[in-house]
Amino acid sequence: MSMKRKIIKQGLGGYTIYLPKDWVDKKGLKEGKEVEIIESDTDLIIRSQVVQKKSANIIITDNNKNDIKVIITHLYRNGVDKIQINDTNEETIKEIKDDTNQFLLGFEMTEQSSNKCTIENISEPSEEKFDALLRRIFLIIKETQNIIIKDFSENKFPNLKEIQYQNQQLDKYVLFCRRIVVKDKYEKNPLIMWELLTFLMHIQHAHYYLYKYAAENKIKPDKNIIKILSGLKEYFELYYDAYFKKDMIYVHELNNLKKKYQFGECIKYLESSSGKNTVIYSYIREIFRMIQIGASPILSELIESKIN
């Protein structure tokens, strides 16, 4: 809801505006109560200290019963604190409980009967954990790359469950970070951060599917696969440095190396490979591509910081 207020000049050079009465009443604010003022780019955010909990009700039908995970994760990342699911059965309750444990950080099932259940926020980390969890997301991808390089080098693929677990952990952290962004608890540009989180999730998933294909098809990687995987690790290291060192030089290097990897070595190895190794090179080239285009939100954030 948008509204306009006139700025009123006060003594000693200060200025005030009137807060909307409906908003003040809704938040239970009284004279003398404090509000939080946040300066964000061109905006000034006034935030009440009163925590409002959002809730949602879902009815399981034949049309949506296969989309339970999508529905509850969507509500979670959009800031809902309590979700009641009606018309459930034993099977759907188990699915909801598993999805909650795997993907909804801080949520647990608090009520359960034969035909309904409730999941809600009982121990969600504070928004101050955002930066630590974002760094953990990057590190999960780096850990996954180390496993992939080791197992491809040894031509053994015993770690599919481990990488699948890493996938689930990363998804859980990404959903939580998106939740913080949506709840306006993160002071940077929410659109840029949402885009970055989306790319990080896709990059990790692509690594998982690369490993899954190799493990399930018992491939015999040629020496060039190991070489290009090492290049991929260095490429992601540039991505990591671009975000955490806040330096455009790493983004420029990523873009400069696009010709070498995406349109150079990856194409050359694709053309000369055969059988299942061709699929492996296709996966690797796609990961290079996602890292390169995934640098766009990092560059946007760096440009915004220079403007400010």
Protein backbone atom coordinates (compact mmCIF):
# COMPACT_ATOMS: atom_id res chain seq x y z
CA MET A 1 0.00 0.00 0.00
CA SER A 2 1.47 3.35 -1.08
CA MET A 3 0.67 6.73 0.43
CA LYS A 4 2.17 10.22 0.51
CA ARG A 5 3.06 12.32 3.54
CA LYS A 6 4.30 15.89 3.73
CA ILE A 7 7.58 16.57 5.49
CA ILE A 8 7.12 18.91 8.46
CA LYS A 9 10.00 21.10 9.56
CA GLN A 10 10.78 21.07 13.27
CA GLY A 11 13.12 23.09 15.43
CA LEU A 12 16.91 22.69 15.30
CA GLY A 13 16.80 21.60 11.66
CA GLY A 14 14.87 18.36 12.17
CA TYR A 15 11.97 17.02 10.11
CA THR A 16 9.00 14.77 10.89
CA ILE A 17 6.22 12.95 9.05
CA TYR A 18 2.91 11.54 10.31
CA LEU A 19 2.74 7.76 10.57
CA PRO A 20 -0.56 6.24 9.32
CA LYS A 21 -2.93 5.75 12.29
CA ASP A 22 -4.16 2.37 11.00
CA TRP A 23 -0.56 1.10 10.85
CA VAL A 24 0.22 2.41 14.34
CA ASP A 25 -2.93 0.81 15.78
CA LYS A 26 -2.28 -2.47 13.97
CA LYS A 27 1.23 -2.64 15.45
CA GLY A 28 0.00 -1.72 18.92
CA LEU A 29 2.31 1.29 19.10
CA LYS A 30 1.90 4.02 21.69
CA GLU A 31 3.62 7.32 22.41
CA GLY A 32 7.16 6.68 23.57
CA LYS A 33 7.47 3.32 21.81
CA GLU A 34 10.46 2.87 19.52
CA VAL A 35 10.51 2.01 15.82
CA GLU A 36 13.51 0.97 13.76
CA ILE A 37 14.68 3.32 10.98
CA ILE A 38 16.71 1.76 8.15
CA GLU A 39 18.35 3.72 5.33
CA SER A 40 18.45 1.58 2.18
CA ASP A 41 19.64 3.21 -1.06
CA THR A 42 16.98 5.85 -1.85
CA ASP A 43 14.50 4.42 0.66
CA LEU A 44 13.95 5.03 4.35
CA ILE A 45 12.31 2.01 5.99
CA ILE A 46 10.32 2.40 9.21
CA ARG A 47 9.94 -0.93 10.94
CA SER A 48 7.95 -1.82 14.04
CA GLN A 49 9.55 -4.05 16.66
CA VAL A 50 6.25 -5.92 16.93
CA VAL A 51 6.54 -9.34 15.27
CA GLN A 52 3.48 -10.27 13.22
CA LYS A 53 3.07 -13.93 12.39
CA LYS A 54 1.56 -14.95 9.08
CA SER A 55 -0.43 -18.16 8.76
CA ALA A 56 -1.92 -20.16 5.90
CA ASN A 57 -4.40 -23.02 5.46
CA ILE A 58 -4.10 -25.68 2.77
CA ILE A 59 -6.67 -28.27 1.76
CA ILE A 60 -5.29 -31.41 0.14
CA THR A 61 -7.14 -32.27 -3.08
CA ASP A 62 -6.63 -34.65 -5.98
CA ASN A 63 -5.24 -31.71 -7.95
CA ASN A 64 -2.55 -30.62 -5.49
CA LYS A 65 -1.66 -33.78 -3.55
CA ASN A 66 1.48 -34.30 -5.66
CA ASP A 67 2.66 -30.74 -5.07
CA ILE A 68 2.85 -30.68 -1.26
CA LYS A 69 6.59 -29.97 -1.16
CA VAL A 70 6.28 -27.11 -3.65
CA ILE A 71 3.35 -25.57 -1.75
CA ILE A 72 4.88 -25.63 1.74
CA THR A 73 8.34 -24.49 0.59
CA HIS A 74 6.71 -21.64 -1.35
CA LEU A 75 4.76 -20.52 1.75
CA TYR A 76 7.88 -20.85 3.90
CA ARG A 77 10.10 -18.73 1.68
CA ASN A 78 7.36 -16.11 1.46
CA GLY A 79 7.44 -15.54 5.20
CA VAL A 80 4.54 -17.66 6.49
CA ASP A 81 5.10 -18.78 10.12
CA LYS A 82 2.32 -21.32 10.58
CA ILE A 83 0.85 -23.69 7.97
CA GLN A 84 -2.19 -25.88 8.64
CA ILE A 85 -2.78 -28.68 6.14
CA ASN A 86 -6.26 -30.21 6.04
CA ASP A 87 -7.73 -33.39 4.54
CA THR A 88 -4.48 -35.29 4.96
CA ASN A 89 -3.87 -39.00 5.40
CA GLU A 90 -1.05 -41.05 6.89
CA GLU A 91 0.97 -40.96 3.68
CA THR A 92 0.74 -37.19 3.14
CA ILE A 93 1.52 -36.47 6.79
CA LYS A 94 4.71 -38.51 6.51
CA GLU A 95 5.64 -36.63 3.32
CA ILE A 96 4.98 -33.28 5.00
CA LYS A 97 7.06 -34.26 8.03
CA ASP A 98 9.97 -35.39 5.83
CA ASP A 99 9.86 -32.23 3.69
CA THR A 100 9.71 -30.05 6.79
CA ASN A 101 12.77 -31.72 8.30
CA GLN A 102 14.71 -31.56 5.05
CA PHE A 103 13.91 -28.09 3.77
CA LEU A 104 12.28 -25.78 6.35
CA LEU A 105 14.93 -24.49 8.71
CA GLY A 106 13.45 -23.81 12.16
CA PHE A 107 10.06 -25.43 11.39
CA GLU A 108 8.57 -28.53 12.98
CA MET A 109 5.25 -30.36 12.98
CA THR A 110 3.46 -29.17 16.10
CA GLU A 111 0.00 -30.72 15.65
CA GLN A 112 -1.14 -33.93 14.02
CA SER A 113 -4.36 -35.90 13.75
CA SER A 114 -5.80 -38.40 11.31
CA ASN A 115 -6.88 -35.76 8.77
CA LYS A 116 -4.84 -32.62 9.43
CA CYS A 117 -1.52 -31.36 10.69
CA THR A 118 0.26 -28.09 11.47
CA ILE A 119 3.85 -27.10 10.82
CA GLU A 120 5.22 -23.87 12.23
CA ASN A 121 8.25 -21.81 13.10
CA ILE A 122 9.54 -22.74 16.56
CA SER A 123 13.32 -22.22 16.35
CA GLU A 124 14.09 -20.18 13.27
CA PRO A 125 17.57 -18.58 13.25
CA SER A 126 17.70 -14.80 13.44
CA GLU A 127 18.28 -12.69 10.36
CA GLU A 128 21.81 -12.03 11.65
CA LYS A 129 22.64 -15.58 10.49
CA PHE A 130 21.95 -14.61 6.87
CA ASP A 131 25.55 -13.81 5.91
CA ALA A 132 26.92 -16.91 7.65
CA LEU A 133 24.41 -19.15 5.88
CA LEU A 134 25.10 -17.49 2.53
CA ARG A 135 28.81 -18.23 2.96
CA ARG A 136 27.90 -21.80 3.89
CA ILE A 137 25.95 -22.11 0.61
CA PHE A 138 29.08 -21.17 -1.36
CA LEU A 139 31.21 -23.59 0.68
CA ILE A 140 28.81 -26.50 0.08
CA ILE A 141 29.35 -26.06 -3.67
CA LYS A 142 33.13 -26.00 -3.16
CA GLU A 143 32.95 -29.16 -1.02
CA THR A 144 30.84 -30.86 -3.69
CA GLN A 145 33.42 -29.96 -6.34
CA ASN A 146 36.21 -31.48 -4.24
CA ILE A 147 34.31 -34.76 -3.95
CA ILE A 148 33.60 -34.80 -7.69
CA ILE A 149 37.23 -34.19 -8.68
CA LYS A 150 38.48 -36.86 -6.26
CA ASP A 151 35.99 -39.50 -7.38
CA PHE A 152 36.39 -38.79 -11.09
CA SER A 153 40.19 -39.04 -10.64
CA GLU A 154 39.84 -42.42 -8.92
CA ASN A 155 37.05 -43.57 -11.27
CA LYS A 156 34.94 -44.52 -8.24
CA PHE A 157 31.63 -42.91 -7.32
CA PRO A 158 30.63 -43.96 -3.78
CA ASN A 159 29.45 -40.53 -2.57
CA LEU A 160 26.09 -40.05 -4.29
CA LYS A 161 24.22 -40.01 -0.97
CA GLU A 162 26.67 -37.50 0.46
CA ILE A 163 26.22 -35.12 -2.47
CA GLN A 164 22.45 -35.61 -2.30
CA TYR A 165 22.61 -34.63 1.38
CA GLN A 166 24.70 -31.56 0.48
CA ASN A 167 22.01 -30.69 -2.05
CA GLN A 168 19.29 -30.84 0.60
CA GLN A 169 21.33 -28.71 3.02
CA LEU A 170 21.96 -26.07 0.38
CA ASP A 171 18.28 -26.00 -0.58
CA LYS A 172 17.35 -25.54 3.08
CA TYR A 173 19.74 -22.61 3.48
CA VAL A 174 18.66 -21.01 0.18
CA LEU A 175 14.99 -21.21 1.20
CA PHE A 176 15.77 -19.61 4.56
CA CYS A 177 17.78 -16.79 2.94
CA ARG A 178 14.94 -16.16 0.50
CA ARG A 179 12.57 -16.05 3.47
CA ILE A 180 14.69 -13.35 5.10
CA VAL A 181 14.78 -11.36 1.86
CA VAL A 182 10.98 -11.54 1.47
CA LYS A 183 10.37 -10.58 5.11
CA ASP A 184 12.36 -7.38 4.49
CA LYS A 185 14.96 -8.31 7.07
CA TYR A 186 17.88 -7.91 4.66
CA GLU A 187 18.99 -4.40 3.88
CA LYS A 188 20.52 -4.98 0.42
CA ASN A 189 18.63 -5.06 -2.87
CA PRO A 190 16.20 -8.02 -2.49
CA LEU A 191 15.88 -8.66 -6.24
CA ILE A 192 19.64 -8.96 -6.68
CA MET A 193 19.94 -11.25 -3.67
CA TRP A 194 17.05 -13.45 -4.81
CA GLU A 195 18.69 -13.82 -8.23
CA LEU A 196 22.04 -14.74 -6.69
CA LEU A 197 20.43 -17.39 -4.47
CA THR A 198 18.63 -18.86 -7.48
CA PHE A 199 21.87 -19.22 -9.44
CA LEU A 200 23.65 -20.81 -6.46
CA MET A 201 20.88 -23.39 -6.15
CA HIS A 202 21.02 -24.23 -9.87
CA ILE A 203 24.82 -24.49 -9.82
CA GLN A 204 24.73 -26.99 -6.95
CA HIS A 205 21.94 -29.02 -8.54
CA ALA A 206 23.89 -29.24 -11.81
CA HIS A 207 26.90 -30.64 -9.91
CA TYR A 208 24.61 -33.20 -8.28
CA TYR A 209 23.14 -34.36 -11.60
CA LEU A 210 26.62 -34.56 -13.11
CA TYR A 211 27.75 -36.87 -10.32
CA LYS A 212 24.50 -38.84 -10.36
CA TYR A 213 24.84 -39.58 -14.07
CA ALA A 214 28.47 -40.67 -13.62
CA ALA A 215 27.63 -42.93 -10.67
CA GLU A 216 24.57 -44.55 -12.22
CA ASN A 217 26.16 -45.11 -15.63
CA LYS A 218 29.56 -46.29 -14.40
CA ILE A 219 31.43 -44.01 -16.77
CA LYS A 220 35.14 -44.24 -17.44
CA PRO A 221 36.30 -40.61 -17.52
CA ASP A 222 39.10 -39.67 -19.92
CA LYS A 223 42.01 -37.48 -18.78
CA ASN A 224 40.46 -34.33 -20.24
CA ILE A 225 37.45 -34.63 -17.93
CA ILE A 226 39.75 -34.37 -14.90
CA LYS A 227 41.49 -31.39 -16.50
CA ILE A 228 38.27 -29.51 -17.23
CA LEU A 229 36.86 -30.28 -13.75
CA SER A 230 39.95 -28.67 -12.21
CA GLY A 231 39.31 -25.64 -14.42
CA LEU A 232 35.70 -25.61 -13.22
CA LYS A 233 36.85 -25.52 -9.60
CA GLU A 234 39.11 -22.54 -10.30
CA TYR A 235 36.28 -20.85 -12.19
CA PHE A 236 33.95 -21.13 -9.20
CA GLU A 237 36.72 -19.84 -6.95
CA LEU A 238 36.64 -16.62 -8.99
CA TYR A 239 32.87 -16.50 -8.43
CA TYR A 240 33.38 -16.95 -4.69
CA ASP A 241 36.04 -14.22 -4.59
CA ALA A 242 33.90 -11.85 -6.66
CA TYR A 243 31.17 -11.93 -4.02
CA PHE A 244 33.18 -12.03 -0.80
CA LYS A 245 36.08 -9.79 -1.83
CA LYS A 246 33.67 -7.31 -3.47
CA ASP A 247 35.97 -6.71 -6.43
CA MET A 248 34.83 -6.39 -10.06
CA ILE A 249 38.14 -7.73 -11.31
CA TYR A 250 36.98 -11.27 -10.53
CA VAL A 251 33.75 -10.79 -12.51
CA HIS A 252 35.76 -9.48 -15.46
CA GLU A 253 38.03 -12.52 -15.23
CA LEU A 254 35.01 -14.84 -15.25
CA ASN A 255 33.72 -13.18 -18.39
CA ASN A 256 37.15 -13.21 -20.03
CA LEU A 257 37.47 -16.97 -19.43
CA LYS A 258 34.10 -17.67 -21.08
CA LYS A 259 35.81 -17.98 -24.46
CA LYS A 260 38.43 -20.38 -23.09
CA TYR A 261 35.98 -22.73 -21.36
CA GLN A 262 32.42 -22.49 -22.70
CA PHE A 263 33.36 -21.89 -26.32
CA GLY A 264 36.84 -23.37 -26.26
CA GLU A 265 37.81 -26.45 -24.30
CA CYS A 266 34.27 -27.66 -23.55
CA ILE A 267 33.30 -27.56 -27.24
CA LYS A 268 36.59 -29.20 -28.30
CA TYR A 269 36.13 -32.07 -25.84
CA LEU A 270 32.46 -32.46 -26.74
CA GLU A 271 33.36 -32.83 -30.41
CA SER A 272 36.14 -35.36 -29.77
CA SER A 273 34.37 -37.44 -27.08
CA SER A 274 32.01 -40.34 -27.55
CA GLY A 275 29.32 -42.23 -25.65
CA LYS A 276 28.64 -41.35 -22.02
CA ASN A 277 31.60 -39.00 -21.71
CA THR A 278 29.83 -36.67 -24.15
CA VAL A 279 27.01 -36.32 -21.61
CA ILE A 280 29.55 -35.54 -18.88
CA TYR A 281 31.07 -32.74 -20.97
CA SER A 282 27.59 -31.35 -21.62
CA TYR A 283 26.92 -31.16 -17.88
CA ILE A 284 30.29 -29.51 -17.23
CA ARG A 285 29.78 -26.90 -19.96
CA GLU A 286 26.36 -26.05 -18.53
CA ILE A 287 27.89 -25.48 -15.07
CA PHE A 288 30.48 -23.14 -16.57
CA ARG A 289 27.65 -21.25 -18.27
CA MET A 290 25.59 -20.92 -15.08
CA ILE A 291 28.55 -19.64 -13.07
CA GLN A 292 29.33 -17.06 -15.75
CA ILE A 293 25.79 -15.71 -16.10
CA GLY A 294 25.32 -16.11 -12.34
CA ALA A 295 27.93 -13.40 -11.87
CA SER A 296 25.37 -10.85 -13.11
CA PRO A 297 23.74 -10.21 -9.67
CA ILE A 298 27.19 -9.92 -8.08
CA LEU A 299 28.19 -7.32 -10.66
CA SER A 300 24.89 -5.50 -10.11
CA GLU A 301 25.50 -5.32 -6.37
CA LEU A 302 29.05 -4.05 -6.90
CA ILE A 303 27.84 -1.38 -9.32
CA GLU A 304 25.14 -0.27 -6.84
CA SER A 305 27.74 0.04 -4.10
CA LYS A 306 29.89 2.25 -6.35
CA ILE A 307 26.89 4.48 -7.15
CA ASN A 308 26.07 4.84 -3.46
